[in-house]
Structure formats: structure tokens, C-alpha cells
């Protein structure tokens, strides 16, 4: 029977110091989790623990990735939101394919202290934030102390952290231009125009497309609303109540678009005969709505794979590059063409 290996033996095989091995085997936070997992694996393989059970068993996964949903503009991000459900599913599929565990965190960071505390205390190798909310500058600051995170969202001038997201500017312009090609001349925008970086870019795309089509900008057609069907329905009801003329809607998300259609129907307007509607996201519900929703697809499955692979790479290489995904117009019934 071969003798039980010493700490020095584990250190030599792992290519690290004895002190690092000692700290890793006691699950010290001073050792990064990738190195820690490798040392534990070597210790098990060479029977360091003998017949005794390892005192701090660790997952055999390549890494653990946490998903965090920042509060979207002052509200709580809900796991039940169809968009988040699909993103979590796509990230989860990618994590499983790459041998990683997935952790869903209930934490909702609202400020710099929350972000820093989360990164210090969360038991994961890396974190994927689903959305930037109003945390852009705080993510930049977080990069000074932590680099094992990635954000689903827009790319912004002066950004130091890594983000993956769709080409929101082009997507917003593509949706609006399609409505203009259908002959719609009074196109309303429903969504956020303030703090949310992705929505600001979609809104700018809307403005660019209006200008390119030679359509006048009317501030009455810009209706802020939350990413909730009830908020969108109320926004459309407001337009109808005010007697504002419009024949098209570009909604900044599919959930907003579906709420808008509900508001139009209750208000006695037919979709798409009276008003054409285009959404953004191409969630699964879009294909089952009545009428089926025309929308902008932003490759969520590919986004999930990219975020997981970039995050895993950063745990060893320490650097990630932001990436924009192409958008595609998916034409269905709600636009009438």
C-alpha cells in the first residue's frame, strides 16, 4: 500500500506552494476556486484523505456560475419574467454543456456596497449579471477589485467591464424602418428612454429610422413604460384616451408589445389593420400570441454560450472582451406585412 502523500507532494503535482495547498484544503477564500478545485481533485486522486471523508466536500463541476438579476430601474427583477426565464435556461444549458454548476442568486444589488459585498460573499467562481439597470458606473468601479463577472447588456463608451448583448441601435432602427416600409407614418415608441442603456440604444435606433424615412418626430408618441404587460396596456390606453393619432408601435420588449396589443384590443383597435406592432426579444410567447408577434430576435441561446465560455476563460486568463450579437427581424402577423 503506497504511503499517504504529504502536503509537499500535492503542492509539487499541482505546481503551487505548500501554503497554497494548505489554504485550499481548508477552503480558504484567499485561494481562487479554480485552483482550489484542482488541488482538491489531486488530493482525492492520490488518496490524501485516506479512508476518512473529506472534511469540506466540493462539487466535481469545472466551476460554479451564479446568475444575478439587478433590479430593473427601481423594481425587483422576477425569475418568472419570460425573458429572464429564457436567459436563465440558455445560460443553464451552456453551463451544463461545459461541466459547470449553476447558482441562482436572490440578491438584488442596488448600489456599490451591494455589488462588492455580493462578489466577496457569493460561493461561485464567476457571476453573470442579467442586465445593467443603473449600475453601469458601479460595474466599472467593481472592475478595480473583481474581474470574474460578465454583464448581459449594452456596450457603452468608457466601459471597462465585459458585456454581451445585441446590437440594440440596429435592432431598434430595423423594427421602426419595417413599420415605415409598411406605410405607417405615426409610429409610437413604448419603453424606457432614460437610465437603461439597452433601451436608450433601441430608442436612438427608433429616432434614426424615423429620420431616415423622412418621418416627423412627435414627443406625444414617446410613452415611457415598465417591462410589464399592465404598464404597456396603461400606456396605450393613455394614448387612446388623449386622442393621439398613431398607426404603428415599436415596443422596446416583447412583454411591452403584448401588453400594447391587449390595450389596443380593449380600446377597440384592430391589430394589424389599425395599428401595426413590433416587439423586441423574440421570446417564445411571441410566436403563440394572437396575433403572432413580429419582433427582433437577439440570439439569446448564443448569448448564453458566449457568457459562460468567456467567464470560464477569464478564470484562467483574466481578460474578457465585450461582444455584440446581430439582430434579425422576425415577421409575423402583428405588423400586417
Foldseek 3Di string as FASTA:
>chain_A
DDDQDDLVVLCVVLVHDSVLLVCLLVVHPVHQPQSSLVSVVSNVVRCNVPPDDRPDDDDNFNWEEEEAEAAAQPHQDDCPPLLNVVLVVLLVVLQVVRRYHYHYDRQHDDDLVSVVVCVSPPPTNAYEYEFCRLCQVSVQVVVVPDQLYEYAADDDPPGDHAYEYAQLLQQLLVQLLVLVVVVWQAEAEEEDCPRGRSLVSSVNSNVVNCVVSVHDDDVVRYFYFYLALCRLLVSLLVCVVVVPDGAEYEYAAVRSQLSVCVNCVVVVHDFNVRHAYEHEDPRVVQCVDVQRHWYKHQPSSVSSNLRVVQSSVCSPVVDGHYDHTYIDTDDTRRRPD
